[in-house]
Protein backbone atom coordinates (compact mmCIF):
# COMPACT_ATOMS: atom_id res chain seq x y z
CA THR A 1 -251.04 -2.20 -93.80
CA ALA A 2 -249.43 -5.65 -93.92
CA ILE A 3 -250.40 -6.05 -97.59
CA ARG A 4 -248.76 -2.71 -98.51
CA GLU A 5 -245.59 -3.71 -96.63
CA ALA A 6 -245.52 -7.02 -98.51
CA GLU A 7 -245.88 -5.16 -101.84
CA LYS A 8 -242.92 -2.95 -100.92
CA ALA A 9 -240.86 -5.99 -99.96
CA LEU A 10 -241.50 -7.56 -103.36
CA GLY A 11 -240.03 -4.51 -105.11
CA ASP A 12 -240.59 -3.63 -108.76
CA GLY A 13 -239.37 -6.96 -110.18
CA ILE A 14 -236.21 -5.50 -111.73
CA LYS A 15 -233.00 -7.06 -110.43
CA ARG A 16 -230.25 -4.54 -109.73
CA PRO A 17 -226.89 -4.95 -108.00
CA ALA A 18 -226.60 -3.60 -104.48
CA SER A 19 -224.34 -0.60 -103.99
CA SER A 20 -221.75 -2.83 -102.28
CA GLU A 21 -221.74 -5.13 -105.32
CA THR A 22 -221.24 -2.21 -107.70
CA ASP A 23 -218.22 -0.99 -105.73
CA MET A 24 -216.72 -4.47 -105.63
CA ARG A 25 -217.25 -5.08 -109.36
CA GLN A 26 -214.16 -3.16 -110.48
CA ASP A 27 -211.96 -4.93 -107.95
CA THR A 28 -213.14 -8.45 -108.78
CA ARG A 29 -213.37 -8.29 -112.57
CA LYS A 30 -210.35 -8.70 -114.82
CA SER A 31 -208.84 -6.63 -117.64
CA ILE A 32 -206.19 -6.92 -120.31
CA ILE A 33 -202.90 -5.63 -118.83
CA ALA A 34 -199.54 -4.92 -120.50
CA LEU A 35 -197.03 -7.61 -119.51
CA THR A 36 -194.13 -5.57 -120.91
CA ASN A 37 -193.64 -1.97 -122.04
CA ILE A 38 -195.39 -1.38 -125.36
CA ASN A 39 -194.19 1.68 -127.25
CA LYS A 40 -196.41 3.87 -129.40
CA GLY A 41 -196.86 2.28 -132.84
CA GLU A 42 -195.84 -1.21 -131.74
CA GLU A 43 -198.13 -4.15 -132.39
CA ILE A 44 -199.80 -5.76 -129.41
CA THR A 45 -199.07 -9.49 -129.39
CA ALA A 46 -200.29 -12.30 -127.12
CA ASP A 47 -196.92 -12.56 -125.37
CA ARG A 48 -197.04 -8.88 -124.38
CA VAL A 49 -200.35 -8.92 -122.50
CA ILE A 50 -201.82 -10.74 -119.52
CA ILE A 51 -205.28 -11.02 -117.98
CA LYS A 52 -205.57 -9.91 -114.35
CA ARG A 53 -207.33 -7.57 -111.93
CA PRO A 54 -208.59 -4.80 -111.67
CA GLY A 55 -211.45 -4.71 -114.13
CA CYS A 56 -211.27 -1.10 -115.23
CA GLY A 57 -209.84 -1.70 -118.72
CA ILE A 58 -210.72 -3.80 -121.75
CA GLU A 59 -212.51 -7.03 -120.79
CA PRO A 60 -210.73 -10.34 -121.54
CA LYS A 61 -213.48 -11.35 -123.97
CA HIS A 62 -212.08 -8.73 -126.38
CA LEU A 63 -208.55 -10.18 -126.37
CA GLY A 64 -208.90 -11.33 -129.99
CA VAL A 65 -209.69 -7.77 -131.05
CA VAL A 66 -206.78 -6.29 -129.09
CA ILE A 67 -204.14 -8.72 -130.42
CA GLY A 68 -202.73 -7.35 -133.66
CA ARG A 69 -203.68 -3.72 -133.02
CA LYS A 70 -201.06 -1.02 -132.54
CA ALA A 71 -200.58 1.11 -129.47
CA THR A 72 -201.52 4.77 -129.99
CA VAL A 73 -199.58 5.80 -126.86
CA ASP A 74 -196.75 4.36 -124.80
CA ILE A 75 -198.15 1.69 -122.48
CA LYS A 76 -196.04 0.88 -119.43
CA GLU A 77 -195.53 -2.58 -117.97
CA ASP A 78 -198.43 -3.62 -115.68
CA GLU A 79 -200.65 -0.79 -117.02
CA VAL A 80 -204.32 -1.42 -117.77
CA ILE A 81 -205.04 -1.31 -121.51
CA THR A 82 -208.04 0.77 -122.50
CA TRP A 83 -209.64 1.40 -125.90
CA ASP A 84 -208.13 4.88 -126.19
CA LYS A 85 -204.61 3.39 -125.95
CA ILE A 86 -204.96 1.11 -128.98
């Protein structure tokens, strides 16, 4: 019995985040956010965006891809930028 309990405790060897970590992920990660209002058709420039929380939009590692693209919809100040908006 002790051996079987030890096998269960070892798990399957695949590391997964706990449910509490998954919930916290969005709150602790960062996204690209509009620093000013960006109207539809306007180019997104470095001085019009900022990196901050929450992490539900485009990740900061894609900033180089976002800069220079045009907004497909009006993006309000302090709004999270997502791929469908550019």
